[in-house]
Structures are given as C-alpha cells and as structure tokens.
Amino acid sequence: MAKYRGPVCKLCRREGEKLFLKGARCYSPKCSFERRGYPPGSHGKGAQFRRRRESDYNRQLRAKQKARRVFGVLERQFHRYYTISLKRRGITGLNLLQILESRLDNVIYRMGYAQSRAEARVLVTHGHFTVNGRRTDIPSMLTAAGDVIAVRELSRKRTLFKQLPDLAESRNVPNWLNRDVKELSGTVIRLPEREEIDANLTEQLIVEYYSR
C-alpha cells in the first residue's frame, strides 16, 4: 500500500496553513506549525519576507497539492479520482470533492471514530471496521448512500475502542452522515453538498491544473 512516509508537519508548513493531519497534536502547543510557520527548507524562513507575484500555475499546483495532503492521497490515485469526476454528470470540481469525502477512511474520520484521517486509514488497514457487515481493509474504498460502517465485534474489546464513544461525542457529525455512538456504527445518507465539505479547498483551481 503506497502512502506518504515523510514528516507530516512539513506538509502544513509548505502549504502555509494548518491541515490538521495529526489530530489532537495540531490543537496543542506541540504543533510544529505554531512554532515554525514558515516553509521548510534552507530558504524557507527568508521566503516569508520576499514578495513575488504568484503565477497561475503555482496557485493551481498548490490547490491540488493541498487537497491531496488533506485527504492523504498520492498523485496517481488523485488523478484517477479526477478522471472519474470528469465522467460523472454535474460540476467536475464538486464531483472530485465528493469522491474524496466518500472514501472509507474519511467517512470514519468524519463520524468521529478517529482523531485524523491518517489514524482512520491505519484502523481500516488493520481490519477493525466493517462495511454492510463485511470486514474490509481498504481505506480508499468509496462508500455510497445506504452503506453502514461499524466497528468489528472483536475490535470493540480493545482499549482504544472502549474509549471511542467519548472521542466521538466530542465531534459533530455532518448532515450527510448518521452516527450511532452506542453501537459504534454509522450510515452514509447521501453525498455531501459543497457547504458540508469542511476542508478549505479551491476545487476550481484543481480542475484548471488538470485542464492545462
């Protein structure tokens, strides 16, 4: 399974804003972005003082890279999602965001059953969740309306999942999902609307990047 294995905090610093890739750590004083908000690299600190006109290509690239990093998707898979969104009816940019939001690891994160998308990805890979009663270990699985996601019965005995209800209760659930904390399960009601996608993304710039 291909995934990014480098320093996660550098990704936030490169994009110039918090992407909340480390869950609770991002809200604590230990957050690297709070201590070093400038871009990584030997010239990063000086770059914040240099003013230069940003090209259209760079704005498009940064929008694409930011979306990839928020959802933890590598380039090849991200481009495949864009190709799928092109073939669907409707607005290409919105289609792309809906595909990213419907990934199983993202749905679990949005339900509050993981502190970050990266943690949700690990939990799915280890087989702790079921989709419609069947165990799955594919974080990139695309869910659809009516799908029921739940913690496996055997996994509920682990300490992590015994503490899960308290974590989930502290998080709000978007309207396109339904959550049952007592049963450690949830249902995908429909695809999210644009205003229900909380990531600060500019999908039009992503479409422009791939349309060059």
C-alpha atoms as a PDB file:
ATOM      1  CA  MET A   1       0.000   0.000   0.000  1.00  0.00           C
ATOM      2  CA  ALA A   2       1.613   3.269  -1.129  1.00  0.00           C
ATOM      3  CA  LYS A   3       1.498   6.199   1.259  1.00  0.00           C
ATOM      4  CA  TYR A   4       3.499   9.273   2.250  1.00  0.00           C
ATOM      5  CA  ARG A   5       6.083   8.375   4.919  1.00  0.00           C
ATOM      6  CA  GLY A   6       7.854  11.710   5.370  1.00  0.00           C
ATOM      7  CA  PRO A   7       7.460  14.369   8.105  1.00  0.00           C
ATOM      8  CA  VAL A   8       3.777  15.304   8.238  1.00  0.00           C
ATOM      9  CA  CYS A   9       4.209  18.750   9.809  1.00  0.00           C
ATOM     10  CA  LYS A  10       6.327  19.866   6.843  1.00  0.00           C
ATOM     11  CA  LEU A  11       3.262  19.478   4.626  1.00  0.00           C
ATOM     12  CA  CYS A  12       1.342  22.068   6.666  1.00  0.00           C
ATOM     13  CA  ARG A  13       4.310  24.432   6.644  1.00  0.00           C
ATOM     14  CA  ARG A  14       4.672  24.065   2.878  1.00  0.00           C
ATOM     15  CA  GLU A  15       1.016  24.987   2.303  1.00  0.00           C
ATOM     16  CA  GLY A  16       1.227  27.886   4.764  1.00  0.00           C
ATOM     17  CA  GLU A  17      -1.674  26.758   6.966  1.00  0.00           C
ATOM     18  CA  LYS A  18      -2.733  24.026   9.344  1.00  0.00           C
ATOM     19  CA  LEU A  19      -4.116  20.968   7.582  1.00  0.00           C
ATOM     20  CA  PHE A  20      -4.832  19.147  10.867  1.00  0.00           C
ATOM     21  CA  LEU A  21      -3.057  15.986   9.751  1.00  0.00           C
ATOM     22  CA  LYS A  22      -2.062  14.845  13.272  1.00  0.00           C
ATOM     23  CA  GLY A  23      -5.362  15.086  15.084  1.00  0.00           C
ATOM     24  CA  ALA A  24      -5.142  16.306  18.706  1.00  0.00           C
ATOM     25  CA  ARG A  25      -1.476  17.325  18.363  1.00  0.00           C
ATOM     26  CA  CYS A  26      -2.485  20.056  15.893  1.00  0.00           C
ATOM     27  CA  TYR A  27      -4.515  21.743  18.658  1.00  0.00           C
ATOM     28  CA  SER A  28      -1.666  21.623  21.193  1.00  0.00           C
ATOM     29  CA  PRO A  29       1.447  23.806  21.716  1.00  0.00           C
ATOM     30  CA  LYS A  30       3.491  20.917  20.278  1.00  0.00           C
ATOM     31  CA  CYS A  31       2.169  21.724  16.798  1.00  0.00           C
ATOM     32  CA  SER A  32       5.158  22.397  14.550  1.00  0.00           C
ATOM     33  CA  PHE A  33       3.251  24.970  12.513  1.00  0.00           C
ATOM     34  CA  GLU A  34       2.716  27.111  15.614  1.00  0.00           C
ATOM     35  CA  ARG A  35       6.442  27.154  16.336  1.00  0.00           C
ATOM     36  CA  ARG A  36       7.709  27.366  12.753  1.00  0.00           C
ATOM     37  CA  GLY A  37       5.050  28.697  10.428  1.00  0.00           C
ATOM     38  CA  TYR A  38       7.452  29.347   7.560  1.00  0.00           C
ATOM     39  CA  PRO A  39       8.046  26.921   4.633  1.00  0.00           C
ATOM     40  CA  PRO A  40      10.501  24.052   5.215  1.00  0.00           C
ATOM     41  CA  GLY A  41      13.984  24.019   3.706  1.00  0.00           C
ATOM     42  CA  SER A  42      17.130  26.096   3.980  1.00  0.00           C
ATOM     43  CA  HIS A  43      15.486  29.156   2.384  1.00  0.00           C
ATOM     44  CA  GLY A  44      12.072  28.736   3.997  1.00  0.00           C
ATOM     45  CA  LYS A  45      12.436  31.313   6.743  1.00  0.00           C
ATOM     46  CA  GLY A  46      13.618  34.019   4.377  1.00  0.00           C
ATOM     47  CA  ALA A  47      10.905  33.207   1.822  1.00  0.00           C
ATOM     48  CA  GLN A  48       8.189  34.715   4.029  1.00  0.00           C
ATOM     49  CA  PHE A  49       9.852  38.133   3.757  1.00  0.00           C
ATOM     50  CA  ARG A  50      10.297  38.051  -0.018  1.00  0.00           C
ATOM     51  CA  ARG A  51       7.423  39.375  -2.079  1.00  0.00           C
ATOM     52  CA  ARG A  52       6.930  37.975  -5.521  1.00  0.00           C
ATOM     53  CA  ARG A  53       3.994  37.593  -7.860  1.00  0.00           C
ATOM     54  CA  GLU A  54       2.485  34.124  -7.694  1.00  0.00           C
ATOM     55  CA  SER A  55       1.852  32.588 -11.109  1.00  0.00           C
ATOM     56  CA  ASP A  56      -1.463  30.993 -12.097  1.00  0.00           C
ATOM     57  CA  TYR A  57       0.280  27.650 -12.437  1.00  0.00           C
ATOM     58  CA  ASN A  58       1.669  27.837  -8.899  1.00  0.00           C
ATOM     59  CA  ARG A  59      -1.755  28.692  -7.438  1.00  0.00           C
ATOM     60  CA  GLN A  60      -3.267  25.734  -9.289  1.00  0.00           C
ATOM     61  CA  LEU A  61      -0.474  23.401  -8.181  1.00  0.00           C
ATOM     62  CA  ARG A  62      -0.725  24.462  -4.559  1.00  0.00           C
ATOM     63  CA  ALA A  63      -4.519  23.946  -4.577  1.00  0.00           C
ATOM     64  CA  LYS A  64      -4.046  20.440  -5.953  1.00  0.00           C
ATOM     65  CA  GLN A  65      -1.256  19.559  -3.516  1.00  0.00           C
ATOM     66  CA  LYS A  66      -3.258  20.871  -0.579  1.00  0.00           C
ATOM     67  CA  ALA A  67      -6.262  18.682  -1.455  1.00  0.00           C
ATOM     68  CA  ARG A  68      -4.011  15.643  -1.847  1.00  0.00           C
ATOM     69  CA  ARG A  69      -2.417  16.211   1.533  1.00  0.00           C
ATOM     70  CA  VAL A  70      -5.662  16.872   3.389  1.00  0.00           C
ATOM     71  CA  PHE A  71      -7.126  13.538   2.245  1.00  0.00           C
ATOM     72  CA  GLY A  72      -3.820  11.620   2.261  1.00  0.00           C
ATOM     73  CA  VAL A  73      -3.915  10.639  -1.416  1.00  0.00           C
ATOM     74  CA  LEU A  74      -0.900  10.192  -3.685  1.00  0.00           C
ATOM     75  CA  GLU A  75      -0.735  11.760  -7.153  1.00  0.00           C
ATOM     76  CA  ARG A  76      -1.611   8.705  -9.239  1.00  0.00           C
ATOM     77  CA  GLN A  77      -4.761   7.946  -7.267  1.00  0.00           C
ATOM     78  CA  PHE A  78      -5.745  11.609  -7.066  1.00  0.00           C
ATOM     79  CA  HIS A  79      -5.534  11.925 -10.865  1.00  0.00           C
ATOM     80  CA  ARG A  80      -7.691   8.804 -11.193  1.00  0.00           C
ATOM     81  CA  TYR A  81     -10.327  10.427  -8.984  1.00  0.00           C
ATOM     82  CA  TYR A  82     -10.228  13.482 -11.238  1.00  0.00           C
ATOM     83  CA  THR A  83     -10.770  11.278 -14.313  1.00  0.00           C
ATOM     84  CA  ILE A  84     -13.790   9.670 -12.628  1.00  0.00           C
ATOM     85  CA  SER A  85     -15.208  13.078 -11.692  1.00  0.00           C
ATOM     86  CA  LEU A  86     -14.919  14.204 -15.327  1.00  0.00           C
ATOM     87  CA  LYS A  87     -17.120  11.326 -16.467  1.00  0.00           C
ATOM     88  CA  ARG A  88     -19.824  11.981 -13.881  1.00  0.00           C
ATOM     89  CA  ARG A  89     -22.690  14.332 -14.532  1.00  0.00           C
ATOM     90  CA  GLY A  90     -22.528  17.677 -12.769  1.00  0.00           C
ATOM     91  CA  ILE A  91     -19.735  20.038 -11.765  1.00  0.00           C
ATOM     92  CA  THR A  92     -16.321  18.387 -12.066  1.00  0.00           C
ATOM     93  CA  GLY A  93     -14.796  20.128  -9.029  1.00  0.00           C
ATOM     94  CA  LEU A  94     -17.699  19.209  -6.759  1.00  0.00           C
ATOM     95  CA  ASN A  95     -17.676  15.638  -8.088  1.00  0.00           C
ATOM     96  CA  LEU A  96     -13.993  15.381  -7.179  1.00  0.00           C
ATOM     97  CA  LEU A  97     -14.540  16.611  -3.620  1.00  0.00           C
ATOM     98  CA  GLN A  98     -17.492  14.259  -3.170  1.00  0.00           C
ATOM     99  CA  ILE A  99     -15.348  11.308  -4.266  1.00  0.00           C
ATOM    100  CA  LEU A 100     -12.642  12.270  -1.777  1.00  0.00           C
ATOM    101  CA  GLU A 101     -15.191  12.721   1.010  1.00  0.00           C
ATOM    102  CA  SER A 102     -16.780   9.324   0.309  1.00  0.00           C
ATOM    103  CA  ARG A 103     -13.523   7.421   0.906  1.00  0.00           C
ATOM    104  CA  LEU A 104     -13.940   4.976   3.781  1.00  0.00           C
ATOM    105  CA  ASP A 105     -11.087   6.432   5.851  1.00  0.00           C
ATOM    106  CA  ASN A 106     -12.556   9.929   5.514  1.00  0.00           C
ATOM    107  CA  VAL A 107     -16.072   8.754   6.425  1.00  0.00           C
ATOM    108  CA  ILE A 108     -14.743   7.114   9.602  1.00  0.00           C
ATOM    109  CA  TYR A 109     -12.864  10.308  10.479  1.00  0.00           C
ATOM    110  CA  ARG A 110     -15.928  12.468   9.828  1.00  0.00           C
ATOM    111  CA  MET A 111     -18.028  10.193  12.050  1.00  0.00           C
ATOM    112  CA  GLY A 112     -15.592  10.900  14.879  1.00  0.00           C
ATOM    113  CA  TYR A 113     -14.216   7.368  15.156  1.00  0.00           C
ATOM    114  CA  ALA A 114     -10.623   8.510  14.550  1.00  0.00           C
ATOM    115  CA  GLN A 115      -8.643  11.618  15.503  1.00  0.00           C
ATOM    116  CA  SER A 116      -7.302  12.094  11.979  1.00  0.00           C
ATOM    117  CA  ARG A 117      -7.685  10.648   8.504  1.00  0.00           C
ATOM    118  CA  ALA A 118      -4.268   9.016   8.879  1.00  0.00           C
ATOM    119  CA  GLU A 119      -5.403   7.220  12.038  1.00  0.00           C
ATOM    120  CA  ALA A 120      -8.621   6.144  10.315  1.00  0.00           C
ATOM    121  CA  ARG A 121      -6.541   4.751   7.456  1.00  0.00           C
ATOM    122  CA  VAL A 122      -4.468   2.637   9.865  1.00  0.00           C
ATOM    123  CA  LEU A 123      -7.550   1.339  11.683  1.00  0.00           C
ATOM    124  CA  VAL A 124      -9.173   0.268   8.421  1.00  0.00           C
ATOM    125  CA  THR A 125      -5.963  -1.355   7.183  1.00  0.00           C
ATOM    126  CA  HIS A 126      -5.853  -3.436  10.382  1.00  0.00           C
ATOM    127  CA  GLY A 127      -9.383  -4.652   9.701  1.00  0.00           C
ATOM    128  CA  HIS A 128     -11.211  -3.032  12.618  1.00  0.00           C
ATOM    129  CA  PHE A 129     -14.212  -1.859  10.551  1.00  0.00           C
ATOM    130  CA  THR A 130     -16.962  -3.488   8.536  1.00  0.00           C
ATOM    131  CA  VAL A 131     -18.996  -2.099   5.645  1.00  0.00           C
ATOM    132  CA  ASN A 132     -22.505  -3.541   5.370  1.00  0.00           C
ATOM    133  CA  GLY A 133     -21.487  -6.345   7.724  1.00  0.00           C
ATOM    134  CA  ARG A 134     -18.386  -7.372   5.775  1.00  0.00           C
ATOM    135  CA  ARG A 135     -14.860  -6.800   7.119  1.00  0.00           C
ATOM    136  CA  THR A 136     -12.749  -4.561   4.886  1.00  0.00           C
ATOM    137  CA  ASP A 137      -9.135  -3.411   4.982  1.00  0.00           C
ATOM    138  CA  ILE A 138      -9.197  -0.962   2.055  1.00  0.00           C
ATOM    139  CA  PRO A 139      -9.109   2.683   3.246  1.00  0.00           C
ATOM    140  CA  SER A 140      -9.676   4.020  -0.287  1.00  0.00           C
ATOM    141  CA  MET A 141     -12.952   2.124  -0.703  1.00  0.00           C
ATOM    142  CA  LEU A 142     -15.631   4.533  -1.957  1.00  0.00           C
ATOM    143  CA  THR A 143     -18.807   4.394   0.095  1.00  0.00           C
ATOM    144  CA  ALA A 144     -22.302   5.075  -1.262  1.00  0.00           C
ATOM    145  CA  ALA A 145     -25.684   6.134   0.109  1.00  0.00           C
ATOM    146  CA  GLY A 146     -27.084   3.450   2.394  1.00  0.00           C
ATOM    147  CA  ASP A 147     -23.728   1.922   3.373  1.00  0.00           C
ATOM    148  CA  VAL A 148     -23.433   1.028   7.060  1.00  0.00           C
ATOM    149  CA  ILE A 149     -19.970   1.332   8.635  1.00  0.00           C
ATOM    150  CA  ALA A 150     -19.320  -0.227  12.059  1.00  0.00           C
ATOM    151  CA  VAL A 151     -16.505  -1.293  14.374  1.00  0.00           C
ATOM    152  CA  ARG A 152     -15.984  -5.069  14.297  1.00  0.00           C
ATOM    153  CA  GLU A 153     -17.365  -7.001  17.253  1.00  0.00           C
ATOM    154  CA  LEU A 154     -13.946  -8.417  18.178  1.00  0.00           C
ATOM    155  CA  SER A 155     -12.300  -4.987  17.980  1.00  0.00           C
ATOM    156  CA  ARG A 156     -14.714  -3.443  20.492  1.00  0.00           C
ATOM    157  CA  LYS A 157     -12.942  -5.276  23.328  1.00  0.00           C
ATOM    158  CA  ARG A 158      -9.742  -3.307  22.740  1.00  0.00           C
ATOM    159  CA  THR A 159      -8.929  -0.327  24.971  1.00  0.00           C
ATOM    160  CA  LEU A 160      -8.865   2.094  22.026  1.00  0.00           C
ATOM    161  CA  PHE A 161     -12.432   1.294  21.027  1.00  0.00           C
ATOM    162  CA  LYS A 162     -13.710   1.300  24.604  1.00  0.00           C
ATOM    163  CA  GLN A 163     -12.645   4.971  24.734  1.00  0.00           C
ATOM    164  CA  LEU A 164     -14.060   5.712  21.289  1.00  0.00           C
ATOM    165  CA  PRO A 165     -17.557   6.863  22.382  1.00  0.00           C
ATOM    166  CA  ASP A 166     -16.065   9.748  24.388  1.00  0.00           C
ATOM    167  CA  LEU A 167     -13.970  10.845  21.402  1.00  0.00           C
ATOM    168  CA  ALA A 168     -16.921  10.582  19.026  1.00  0.00           C
ATOM    169  CA  GLU A 169     -19.276  12.529  21.299  1.00  0.00           C
ATOM    170  CA  SER A 170     -16.885  15.496  21.268  1.00  0.00           C
ATOM    171  CA  ARG A 171     -17.113  15.750  17.475  1.00  0.00           C
ATOM    172  CA  ASN A 172     -20.007  16.976  15.354  1.00  0.00           C
ATOM    173  CA  VAL A 173     -21.261  14.812  12.501  1.00  0.00           C
ATOM    174  CA  PRO A 174     -22.132  16.368   9.122  1.00  0.00           C
ATOM    175  CA  ASN A 175     -25.711  16.096   7.922  1.00  0.00           C
ATOM    176  CA  TRP A 176     -24.869  13.640   5.154  1.00  0.00           C
ATOM    177  CA  LEU A 177     -23.872  11.033   7.762  1.00  0.00           C
ATOM    178  CA  ASN A 178     -25.815   9.370  10.561  1.00  0.00           C
ATOM    179  CA  ARG A 179     -23.963   8.100  13.659  1.00  0.00           C
ATOM    180  CA  ASP A 180     -24.904   5.694  16.446  1.00  0.00           C
ATOM    181  CA  VAL A 181     -22.228   6.076  19.135  1.00  0.00           C
ATOM    182  CA  LYS A 182     -23.710   3.373  21.369  1.00  0.00           C
ATOM    183  CA  GLU A 183     -23.385   0.812  18.572  1.00  0.00           C
ATOM    184  CA  LEU A 184     -20.129   2.335  17.244  1.00  0.00           C
ATOM    185  CA  SER A 185     -21.653   2.473  13.782  1.00  0.00           C
ATOM    186  CA  GLY A 186     -22.881   4.964  11.214  1.00  0.00           C
ATOM    187  CA  THR A 187     -24.684   5.255   7.899  1.00  0.00           C
ATOM    188  CA  VAL A 188     -23.940   7.222   4.744  1.00  0.00           C
ATOM    189  CA  ILE A 189     -27.194   9.016   3.964  1.00  0.00           C
ATOM    190  CA  ARG A 190     -26.132  10.773   0.755  1.00  0.00           C
ATOM    191  CA  LEU A 191     -23.227  12.554  -0.914  1.00  0.00           C
ATOM    192  CA  PRO A 192     -22.204  15.819   0.802  1.00  0.00           C
ATOM    193  CA  GLU A 193     -23.161  19.227  -0.536  1.00  0.00           C
ATOM    194  CA  ARG A 194     -20.375  21.750  -1.161  1.00  0.00           C
ATOM    195  CA  GLU A 195     -21.023  23.688   2.057  1.00  0.00           C
ATOM    196  CA  GLU A 196     -20.808  20.448   4.061  1.00  0.00           C
ATOM    197  CA  ILE A 197     -17.208  19.813   2.993  1.00  0.00           C
ATOM    198  CA  ASP A 198     -15.213  21.475   5.765  1.00  0.00           C
ATOM    199  CA  ALA A 199     -11.777  21.438   4.095  1.00  0.00           C
ATOM    200  CA  ASN A 200     -10.706  24.893   2.872  1.00  0.00           C
ATOM    201  CA  LEU A 201     -10.147  23.846  -0.750  1.00  0.00           C
ATOM    202  CA  THR A 202     -10.462  25.613  -4.102  1.00  0.00           C
ATOM    203  CA  GLU A 203     -11.650  22.890  -6.445  1.00  0.00           C
ATOM    204  CA  GLN A 204     -11.828  25.175  -9.490  1.00  0.00           C
ATOM    205  CA  LEU A 205      -8.051  25.670  -9.382  1.00  0.00           C
ATOM    206  CA  ILE A 206      -7.595  21.880  -9.286  1.00  0.00           C
ATOM    207  CA  VAL A 207      -9.747  21.498 -12.396  1.00  0.00           C
ATOM    208  CA  GLU A 208      -7.754  24.231 -14.107  1.00  0.00           C
ATOM    209  CA  TYR A 209      -4.491  22.462 -13.213  1.00  0.00           C
ATOM    210  CA  TYR A 210      -5.541  19.201 -14.879  1.00  0.00           C
ATOM    211  CA  SER A 211      -7.153  21.037 -17.832  1.00  0.00           C
ATOM    212  CA  ARG A 212      -3.897  22.636 -18.972  1.00  0.00           C
END
